[in-house]
Amino acid sequence: MQNPRQIAFLALREVHRRGAFADAALDRAFGNSQLNDLDRRLVTELVYGSVRRMRSIDFIIDKLATKKSSQQPPELRTILHLGLYQLEYLNQIPPSAAVNTTVQLAKENGFSGLSSFVNGLLRQYIRLTDNDLNPLTVTNYKSTVERLGILHSFPEWLVNLWIEQIGETETEQLCEWFNQSPTIDLRINPLKSSIAEIETAFKSQNISTSRIPNLPQALRLNGSIGAIQNLPGYSEGWWTIQDSSAQLVTHLLAPQPGETIIDACAAPGGKTTHSAELMQDEGTIYACDKTASRLKKLKENADRLQMKSIKIHTGDSRHFSEFVNLADRVLLDAPCSGLGTLHRRADARWRHTPENIQQQSQLQSELLANAATFVKPGGVLVYATCTIHPLENETVIRSFLDSNPHWQIEPPTIDLPVQPSPEGWVKVWPHRHHMDGFFMVRLKQLKKE
């Protein structure tokens, strides 16, 4: 199958009909096709974009069609999403091409009798936008929360949460950030190469890069790059992909050569291998995770980077009594909602609720209490998440410190691209710092007298 829009339709049908994750549905759809790079990029944009902008597009359908989007046949709704996404968000596609290919999709997928409806709705939308009457921008919304939620396509509970923390203006900036395509950052492996050597290798292939202040191993790729494994230095282990904010976490941990480190929730291993690099691969890192398949990915990464200090440990870290008082430093990169990485996870905004965030917070508290027992007296624990929800971050840390008076926050002493809070933790807001949303805090266990 070579029709990129049909492939996008099949992936979106899986997302809408079966609740599949967008990235998994996309991988399966690509597995049955032989598309060139340009068409693969189009399919990826159509699938991730349509999922991301689902609320906005449903709102347009509700305004223009007699039947609400929720009352449309599910697969017809998916076809309308593809057409309207192209018209509203992809300026490089001529409107006539977006309309004609969407009508063709309807005909080829059992909706020949409704193809004139599809054609009429899309052309009506073009007429409205040509006359500055786009329903998204001319509607009188009931509130700021509704406006931001519909215009930028987010659930209102999330918009409310952000407004409480950073106000309306910054919330809009955050929404806009999360609707952009994500950047790709590399972390240079200093045991195999140098940042200058890799910059030169990329420049020789006309790939633009830029450095990130106060992150000595970080290199951001600019523009289109093609397949990752074809980039210079991939097979030699010169670098790995890791967002800048995730790199910050391991610098905060600051592992030293010869130490014993426990990475309590390690897979897929970005921070584990970073720890090995910072330790010059001297010492022992216990990489723990309860999912064997994810640990396999960690092992593949460690092997490609040629790391010897990492020992794989399968299982739930809450049950590892053999680790008590063993480690100089412990990293708990806790499972979380991922609400700091919504630009990377197209469907995450629709999958979470206030209720499951509460459940996550409980699990995180349990993991933290247990991981703290792994630390030697006088040792260090870093707690980190890729979420910006206070229940998963500040609340977990305050509760832990209230219950454990022999622990305290140790504010960062290194220069970071993000200013620590007065309390001593670091919270990365994507729209301010131009990297994934993250929370991290370094905790020190006081030596007993």
Protein backbone atom coordinates (compact mmCIF):
# COMPACT_ATOMS: atom_id res chain seq x y z
CA MET A 1 0.00 0.00 0.00
CA GLN A 2 1.50 3.34 -1.07
CA ASN A 3 -1.27 5.93 -0.50
CA PRO A 4 -0.05 8.00 2.48
CA ARG A 5 -3.51 9.33 3.39
CA GLN A 6 -5.00 5.82 3.37
CA ILE A 7 -2.17 4.66 5.65
CA ALA A 8 -2.84 7.61 7.97
CA PHE A 9 -6.55 6.73 7.97
CA LEU A 10 -5.83 3.11 8.96
CA ALA A 11 -3.57 4.24 11.83
CA LEU A 12 -6.14 6.77 13.07
CA ARG A 13 -8.89 4.16 12.84
CA GLU A 14 -6.89 2.02 15.28
CA VAL A 15 -6.50 4.96 17.63
CA HIS A 16 -10.21 5.85 17.57
CA ARG A 17 -11.71 2.38 17.35
CA ARG A 18 -9.37 0.33 19.55
CA GLY A 19 -7.81 3.00 21.75
CA ALA A 20 -4.34 2.21 20.34
CA PHE A 21 -1.45 4.52 21.15
CA ALA A 22 -0.77 6.77 18.17
CA ASP A 23 2.91 5.82 17.89
CA ALA A 24 2.15 2.09 18.04
CA ALA A 25 -0.63 2.41 15.45
CA LEU A 26 1.71 4.37 13.20
CA ASP A 27 4.47 1.76 13.49
CA ARG A 28 2.03 -1.00 12.52
CA ALA A 29 0.73 1.02 9.57
CA PHE A 30 4.28 1.66 8.34
CA GLY A 31 5.08 -2.05 8.64
CA ASN A 32 2.69 -2.82 5.79
CA SER A 33 3.91 -0.07 3.46
CA GLN A 34 6.97 0.98 1.47
CA LEU A 35 6.81 4.76 1.57
CA ASN A 36 9.60 7.17 0.75
CA ASP A 37 10.84 9.57 3.45
CA LEU A 38 8.62 12.43 2.25
CA ASP A 39 5.44 10.34 2.41
CA ARG A 40 6.41 8.86 5.79
CA ARG A 41 6.77 12.39 7.16
CA LEU A 42 3.34 13.29 5.76
CA VAL A 43 1.70 10.24 7.36
CA THR A 44 3.39 10.98 10.70
CA GLU A 45 2.23 14.61 10.58
CA LEU A 46 -1.34 13.62 9.67
CA VAL A 47 -1.65 11.00 12.42
CA TYR A 48 0.02 12.88 15.27
CA GLY A 49 -1.53 16.19 14.21
CA SER A 50 -5.06 14.82 13.90
CA VAL A 51 -4.83 13.17 17.33
CA ARG A 52 -3.32 16.27 18.91
CA ARG A 53 -5.93 18.61 17.42
CA MET A 54 -8.90 16.29 17.93
CA ARG A 55 -10.93 18.66 20.11
CA SER A 56 -10.44 21.63 17.77
CA ILE A 57 -11.44 19.58 14.72
CA ASP A 58 -14.49 18.10 16.45
CA PHE A 59 -15.53 21.66 17.31
CA ILE A 60 -15.36 22.64 13.62
CA ILE A 61 -17.48 19.60 12.64
CA ASP A 62 -20.00 20.49 15.36
CA LYS A 63 -20.31 24.01 13.93
CA LEU A 64 -20.66 23.02 10.26
CA ALA A 65 -22.49 19.69 10.18
CA THR A 66 -26.11 18.95 11.07
CA LYS A 67 -24.95 16.04 13.22
CA LYS A 68 -22.35 16.60 15.94
CA SER A 69 -18.96 14.91 15.49
CA SER A 70 -19.86 12.35 18.17
CA GLN A 71 -22.94 11.35 16.13
CA GLN A 72 -21.03 10.83 12.87
CA PRO A 73 -20.11 7.26 11.85
CA PRO A 74 -16.71 6.81 13.59
CA GLU A 75 -14.74 6.13 10.42
CA LEU A 76 -16.34 9.06 8.60
CA ARG A 77 -15.37 11.28 11.56
CA THR A 78 -11.78 10.06 11.13
CA ILE A 79 -11.87 10.94 7.42
CA LEU A 80 -13.22 14.42 8.23
CA HIS A 81 -10.44 14.86 10.79
CA LEU A 82 -7.83 14.16 8.12
CA GLY A 83 -9.35 16.64 5.69
CA LEU A 84 -9.91 19.43 8.21
CA TYR A 85 -6.46 18.95 9.75
CA GLN A 86 -4.85 19.56 6.37
CA LEU A 87 -7.00 22.63 5.68
CA GLU A 88 -6.50 24.24 9.10
CA TYR A 89 -2.92 23.32 10.00
CA LEU A 90 -0.93 22.30 6.88
CA ASN A 91 -0.34 25.40 4.80
CA GLN A 92 1.92 23.57 2.35
CA ILE A 93 -0.96 21.41 1.05
CA PRO A 94 -3.21 23.17 -1.51
CA PRO A 95 -6.83 23.25 -0.28
CA SER A 96 -8.04 21.58 -3.50
CA ALA A 97 -5.67 18.65 -2.90
CA ALA A 98 -6.83 18.30 0.71
CA VAL A 99 -10.49 18.26 -0.38
CA ASN A 100 -10.07 15.91 -3.34
CA THR A 101 -7.97 13.34 -1.48
CA THR A 102 -10.37 13.36 1.48
CA VAL A 103 -13.39 12.82 -0.78
CA GLN A 104 -11.49 9.95 -2.42
CA LEU A 105 -10.79 8.47 1.03
CA ALA A 106 -14.52 8.52 1.78
CA LYS A 107 -15.29 6.71 -1.48
CA GLU A 108 -12.61 4.08 -0.92
CA ASN A 109 -13.65 3.32 2.65
CA GLY A 110 -17.35 2.65 2.31
CA PHE A 111 -18.77 6.19 2.28
CA SER A 112 -19.44 6.79 -1.42
CA GLY A 113 -22.98 7.88 -0.56
CA LEU A 114 -21.62 10.55 1.81
CA SER A 115 -18.78 11.79 -0.41
CA SER A 116 -20.82 14.85 -1.45
CA PHE A 117 -21.37 15.65 2.26
CA VAL A 118 -17.60 15.44 2.86
CA ASN A 119 -16.93 17.64 -0.18
CA GLY A 120 -19.56 20.19 0.89
CA LEU A 121 -18.39 20.43 4.51
CA LEU A 122 -14.73 20.92 3.56
CA ARG A 123 -15.58 23.53 0.90
CA GLN A 124 -17.85 25.36 3.33
CA TYR A 125 -14.93 25.50 5.77
CA ILE A 126 -12.64 26.93 3.05
CA ARG A 127 -15.22 29.64 2.23
CA LEU A 128 -15.51 30.62 5.91
CA THR A 129 -11.74 30.83 6.45
CA ASP A 130 -11.29 32.79 3.21
CA ASN A 131 -13.73 35.35 4.67
CA ASP A 132 -12.08 35.41 8.13
CA LEU A 133 -15.00 33.48 9.62
CA ASN A 134 -13.10 30.47 10.91
CA PRO A 135 -15.33 28.95 13.65
CA LEU A 136 -12.31 28.51 15.93
CA THR A 137 -11.54 32.22 16.01
CA VAL A 138 -14.94 33.93 15.63
CA THR A 139 -16.82 31.98 18.33
CA ASN A 140 -17.74 33.78 21.54
CA TYR A 141 -16.44 31.31 24.11
CA LYS A 142 -18.00 31.10 27.56
CA SER A 143 -14.65 31.39 29.36
CA THR A 144 -10.89 31.63 28.90
CA VAL A 145 -10.61 27.97 29.85
CA GLU A 146 -13.07 26.94 27.12
CA ARG A 147 -11.35 29.19 24.55
CA LEU A 148 -7.88 27.81 25.25
CA GLY A 149 -9.18 24.24 25.46
CA ILE A 150 -10.96 24.37 22.09
CA LEU A 151 -8.57 26.64 20.21
CA HIS A 152 -5.46 24.68 21.24
CA SER A 153 -7.16 21.29 21.71
CA PHE A 154 -6.70 20.36 25.36
CA PRO A 155 -9.06 19.00 28.03
CA GLU A 156 -10.30 21.78 30.29
CA TRP A 157 -9.05 20.21 33.53
CA LEU A 158 -5.50 20.51 32.18
CA VAL A 159 -5.98 24.12 31.07
CA ASN A 160 -7.37 24.93 34.51
CA LEU A 161 -4.41 23.28 36.22
CA TRP A 162 -1.90 25.33 34.23
CA ILE A 163 -3.76 28.61 34.72
CA GLU A 164 -3.64 28.02 38.50
CA GLN A 165 0.15 27.62 38.31
CA ILE A 166 1.33 30.10 35.68
CA GLY A 167 -1.63 32.29 34.69
CA GLU A 168 -3.58 32.69 31.43
CA THR A 169 -0.88 34.26 29.23
CA GLU A 170 1.75 31.64 29.96
CA THR A 171 -0.81 28.84 29.73
CA GLU A 172 -1.52 29.88 26.15
CA GLN A 173 2.22 29.90 25.43
CA LEU A 174 2.49 26.41 26.95
CA CYS A 175 -0.42 25.15 24.83
CA GLU A 176 1.25 26.52 21.71
CA TRP A 177 4.54 24.85 22.66
CA PHE A 178 2.89 21.46 23.15
CA ASN A 179 1.33 21.67 19.67
CA GLN A 180 4.69 22.12 17.94
CA SER A 181 6.67 19.23 16.48
CA PRO A 182 9.32 18.17 19.01
CA THR A 183 13.02 18.85 18.57
CA ILE A 184 15.61 16.08 18.73
CA ASP A 185 18.52 16.45 21.14
CA LEU A 186 21.60 14.24 21.22
CA ARG A 187 23.76 13.45 24.24
CA ILE A 188 27.39 13.08 23.21
CA ASN A 189 29.24 10.08 24.63
CA PRO A 190 32.55 11.64 25.79
CA LEU A 191 34.10 8.17 26.20
CA LYS A 192 33.91 7.72 22.40
CA SER A 193 33.93 11.19 20.85
CA SER A 194 33.74 14.93 21.48
CA ILE A 195 31.05 17.48 20.78
CA ALA A 196 33.35 19.30 18.32
CA GLU A 197 34.09 16.08 16.41
CA ILE A 198 30.38 15.28 16.10
CA GLU A 199 29.51 18.85 15.03
CA THR A 200 32.07 18.50 12.23
CA ALA A 201 30.72 15.10 11.14
CA PHE A 202 27.14 16.44 11.00
CA LYS A 203 28.19 19.60 9.19
CA SER A 204 29.88 17.48 6.51
CA GLN A 205 26.44 16.00 5.78
CA ASN A 206 24.73 19.43 5.80
CA ILE A 207 22.95 18.74 9.09
CA SER A 208 22.60 21.85 11.25
CA THR A 209 23.17 21.56 15.01
CA SER A 210 23.27 23.92 17.97
CA ARG A 211 24.70 23.65 21.48
CA ILE A 212 22.66 24.18 24.65
CA PRO A 213 24.09 26.42 27.41
CA ASN A 214 25.27 24.70 30.61
CA LEU A 215 24.76 21.22 29.14
CA PRO A 216 28.21 20.12 27.97
CA GLN A 217 27.04 16.94 26.19
CA ALA A 218 23.88 18.30 24.53
CA LEU A 219 23.56 18.95 20.80
CA ARG A 220 20.23 19.91 19.22
CA LEU A 221 19.47 18.87 15.64
CA ASN A 222 17.83 21.53 13.48
CA GLY A 223 15.60 20.76 10.50
CA SER A 224 14.92 17.47 8.75
CA ILE A 225 17.46 14.69 9.41
CA GLY A 226 16.08 11.43 7.92
CA ALA A 227 16.56 8.06 9.61
CA ILE A 228 18.36 8.32 12.97
CA GLN A 229 20.47 5.19 12.44
CA ASN A 230 21.94 6.70 9.26
CA LEU A 231 23.40 9.71 11.08
CA PRO A 232 27.19 9.92 11.58
CA GLY A 233 28.44 8.09 14.69
CA TYR A 234 25.27 6.15 15.48
CA SER A 235 26.71 2.63 15.13
CA GLU A 236 30.01 3.72 16.72
CA GLY A 237 28.21 4.78 19.91
CA TRP A 238 29.29 8.42 19.67
CA TRP A 239 25.92 9.70 20.90
CA THR A 240 22.41 8.77 21.94
CA ILE A 241 19.07 10.59 21.68
CA GLN A 242 18.05 12.26 24.93
CA ASP A 243 16.20 15.51 25.52
CA SER A 244 18.14 18.27 27.26
CA SER A 245 15.95 18.29 30.36
CA ALA A 246 16.50 14.54 30.85
CA GLN A 247 20.26 15.18 30.65
CA LEU A 248 19.90 17.71 33.46
CA VAL A 249 18.69 14.97 35.80
CA THR A 250 21.91 12.95 35.65
CA HIS A 251 24.07 16.05 36.05
CA LEU A 252 22.08 16.75 39.23
CA LEU A 253 22.79 13.17 40.40
CA ALA A 254 26.51 13.75 39.60
CA PRO A 255 27.72 10.12 39.80
CA GLN A 256 31.47 9.70 40.35
CA PRO A 257 33.95 7.04 39.14
CA GLY A 258 34.03 3.97 41.38
CA GLU A 259 30.67 4.56 43.04
CA THR A 260 27.69 2.24 43.35
CA ILE A 261 24.59 3.70 41.69
CA ILE A 262 21.05 2.32 41.65
CA ASP A 263 18.71 3.46 38.88
CA ALA A 264 15.42 2.28 40.35
CA CYS A 265 13.20 2.70 37.25
CA ALA A 266 15.83 2.58 34.55
CA ALA A 267 14.33 1.53 31.20
CA PRO A 268 14.80 2.47 28.42
CA GLY A 269 18.13 3.56 29.87
CA GLY A 270 18.91 7.13 28.85
CA LYS A 271 19.86 8.23 32.36
CA THR A 272 21.54 4.88 33.13
CA THR A 273 23.95 5.21 30.23
CA HIS A 274 24.48 8.90 31.02
CA SER A 275 25.48 7.91 34.56
CA ALA A 276 28.00 5.44 33.10
CA GLU A 277 29.47 8.20 30.91
CA LEU A 278 29.81 10.61 33.85
CA MET A 279 31.48 7.82 35.90
CA GLN A 280 33.87 7.12 32.99
CA ASP A 281 32.31 3.63 33.02
CA GLU A 282 34.08 2.89 36.32
CA GLY A 283 31.96 1.56 39.20
CA THR A 284 28.66 -0.30 39.28
CA ILE A 285 25.21 0.80 38.12
CA TYR A 286 22.26 -1.44 38.96
CA ALA A 287 19.64 -0.76 36.29
CA CYS A 288 16.25 -1.92 37.59
CA ASP A 289 12.91 -2.17 35.84
CA LYS A 290 9.98 -4.53 36.10
CA THR A 291 9.43 -4.72 32.31
CA ALA A 292 11.84 -7.17 30.69
CA SER A 293 11.15 -5.91 27.14
CA ARG A 294 12.09 -2.36 28.14
CA LEU A 295 15.26 -3.62 29.82
CA LYS A 296 16.17 -5.35 26.56
CA LYS A 297 16.12 -1.91 24.91
CA LEU A 298 18.34 -0.62 27.73
CA LYS A 299 20.84 -3.43 27.11
CA GLU A 300 20.89 -2.66 23.38
CA ASN A 301 21.63 1.01 24.14
CA ALA A 302 24.36 0.10 26.64
CA ASP A 303 25.95 -2.32 24.17
CA ARG A 304 25.91 0.24 21.34
CA LEU A 305 27.55 2.80 23.64
CA GLN A 306 29.97 0.04 24.81
CA MET A 307 29.22 0.40 28.54
CA LYS A 308 30.62 -2.19 30.98
CA SER A 309 29.52 -0.85 34.37
CA ILE A 310 25.76 -1.48 33.97
CA LYS A 311 24.15 -4.54 35.61
CA ILE A 312 20.54 -5.32 34.60
CA HIS A 313 18.13 -6.15 37.45
CA THR A 314 14.59 -7.23 36.46
CA GLY A 315 11.69 -6.69 38.88
CA ASP A 316 9.76 -4.13 40.93
CA SER A 317 12.28 -2.00 42.83
CA ARG A 318 9.90 -1.88 45.81
CA HIS A 319 10.86 -5.52 46.47
CA PHE A 320 14.67 -5.38 46.32
CA SER A 321 15.70 -5.85 49.97
CA GLU A 322 19.24 -6.74 48.85
CA PHE A 323 19.82 -3.08 47.92
CA VAL A 324 19.27 -1.61 51.42
CA ASN A 325 22.13 0.80 52.34
CA LEU A 326 24.09 -0.28 49.24
CA ALA A 327 24.27 2.80 47.02
CA ASP A 328 26.26 6.01 47.09
CA ARG A 329 23.59 7.55 44.86
CA VAL A 330 20.11 6.49 43.81
CA LEU A 331 18.12 7.80 40.85
CA LEU A 332 14.35 7.44 40.93
CA ASP A 333 13.10 8.55 37.52
CA ALA A 334 9.55 7.73 38.57
CA PRO A 335 6.80 6.46 36.27
CA CYS A 336 4.52 9.43 35.66
CA SER A 337 1.77 10.91 33.48
CA GLY A 338 4.29 12.42 31.05
CA LEU A 339 2.43 15.75 31.10
CA GLY A 340 5.69 17.59 30.42
CA THR A 341 6.12 15.81 27.09
CA LEU A 342 2.73 16.28 25.44
CA HIS A 343 4.38 17.49 22.21
CA ARG A 344 6.03 14.05 21.90
CA ARG A 345 3.03 11.95 22.97
CA ALA A 346 0.18 13.01 20.74
CA ASP A 347 -2.59 11.16 22.61
CA ALA A 348 -1.40 11.62 26.22
CA ARG A 349 -3.57 14.72 26.73
CA TRP A 350 -6.69 12.60 26.13
CA ARG A 351 -5.63 9.57 28.17
CA HIS A 352 -5.16 11.16 31.58
CA THR A 353 -7.70 12.26 34.19
CA PRO A 354 -7.37 13.90 37.60
CA GLU A 355 -8.22 10.51 39.09
CA ASN A 356 -5.38 8.56 37.45
CA ILE A 357 -2.94 11.36 38.34
CA GLN A 358 -3.88 10.77 41.97
CA GLN A 359 -3.10 7.07 41.55
CA GLN A 360 0.26 7.91 39.96
CA SER A 361 1.09 10.14 42.91
CA GLN A 362 0.44 7.29 45.34
CA LEU A 363 2.73 4.94 43.38
CA GLN A 364 5.45 7.60 43.19
CA SER A 365 5.33 8.09 46.96
CA GLU A 366 5.71 4.34 47.53
CA LEU A 367 8.64 4.11 45.12
CA LEU A 368 10.37 7.10 46.74
CA ALA A 369 9.98 5.76 50.29
CA ASN A 370 11.48 2.45 49.21
CA ALA A 371 14.27 3.88 47.03
CA ALA A 372 15.41 5.98 49.99
CA THR A 373 16.30 2.76 51.87
CA PHE A 374 18.88 1.93 49.17
CA VAL A 375 21.02 4.97 50.03
CA LYS A 376 24.03 4.72 52.33
CA PRO A 377 24.06 7.19 55.26
CA GLY A 378 25.27 10.48 53.84
CA GLY A 379 24.32 9.43 50.32
CA VAL A 380 22.23 11.14 47.65
CA LEU A 381 18.86 10.41 45.99
CA VAL A 382 17.52 12.26 42.95
CA TYR A 383 13.77 12.12 42.31
CA ALA A 384 12.69 13.08 38.78
CA THR A 385 9.62 12.98 36.54
CA CYS A 386 8.74 14.19 33.04
CA THR A 387 5.51 15.76 34.29
CA ILE A 388 4.66 19.29 35.45
CA HIS A 389 1.73 18.23 37.65
CA PRO A 390 2.28 19.28 41.31
CA LEU A 391 0.62 16.11 42.65
CA GLU A 392 3.37 14.03 41.06
CA ASN A 393 6.18 16.37 42.05
CA GLU A 394 6.05 18.95 44.84
CA THR A 395 3.35 17.07 46.77
CA VAL A 396 5.33 13.79 46.67
CA ILE A 397 8.52 15.50 47.91
CA ARG A 398 6.83 17.51 50.69
CA SER A 399 5.09 14.38 51.95
CA PHE A 400 8.35 12.40 51.90
CA LEU A 401 10.25 15.09 53.83
CA ASP A 402 7.45 15.37 56.40
CA SER A 403 7.74 11.62 57.04
CA ASN A 404 11.55 11.46 56.90
CA PRO A 405 13.16 14.19 59.00
CA HIS A 406 16.66 12.72 58.42
CA TRP A 407 16.41 13.72 54.75
CA GLN A 408 16.68 17.21 53.28
CA ILE A 409 16.75 18.93 49.90
CA GLU A 410 20.25 19.71 48.65
CA PRO A 411 19.94 22.64 46.21
CA PRO A 412 22.01 22.39 43.00
CA THR A 413 25.55 23.74 43.21
CA ILE A 414 26.22 23.40 39.47
CA ASP A 415 25.25 25.94 36.79
CA LEU A 416 22.00 24.85 35.17
CA PRO A 417 20.04 26.32 32.26
CA VAL A 418 17.03 26.40 34.63
CA GLN A 419 16.93 28.41 37.86
CA PRO A 420 16.11 26.27 40.94
CA SER A 421 13.07 27.20 43.03
CA PRO A 422 13.50 28.75 46.49
CA GLU A 423 12.81 25.28 47.91
CA GLY A 424 15.75 23.85 45.96
CA TRP A 425 14.03 21.74 43.32
CA VAL A 426 14.21 22.31 39.57
CA LYS A 427 11.06 22.56 37.47
CA VAL A 428 11.45 22.85 33.71
CA TRP A 429 8.58 24.64 31.95
CA PRO A 430 8.81 23.86 28.20
CA HIS A 431 7.68 27.27 26.92
CA ARG A 432 10.21 29.05 29.15
CA HIS A 433 13.20 26.78 28.78
CA HIS A 434 12.68 25.24 25.30
CA MET A 435 13.01 21.64 26.43
CA ASP A 436 10.72 18.90 27.76
CA GLY A 437 8.77 19.63 30.93
CA PHE A 438 10.54 18.00 33.89
CA PHE A 439 10.79 18.07 37.67
CA MET A 440 13.90 17.05 39.59
CA VAL A 441 15.18 17.36 43.14
CA ARG A 442 18.33 16.17 44.89
CA LEU A 443 17.79 14.75 48.37
CA LYS A 444 20.56 14.11 50.91
CA GLN A 445 20.40 11.65 53.77
CA LEU A 446 21.91 13.14 56.91
CA LYS A 447 24.57 11.06 58.62
CA LYS A 448 23.44 9.81 61.99
CA GLU A 449 25.48 11.07 64.96
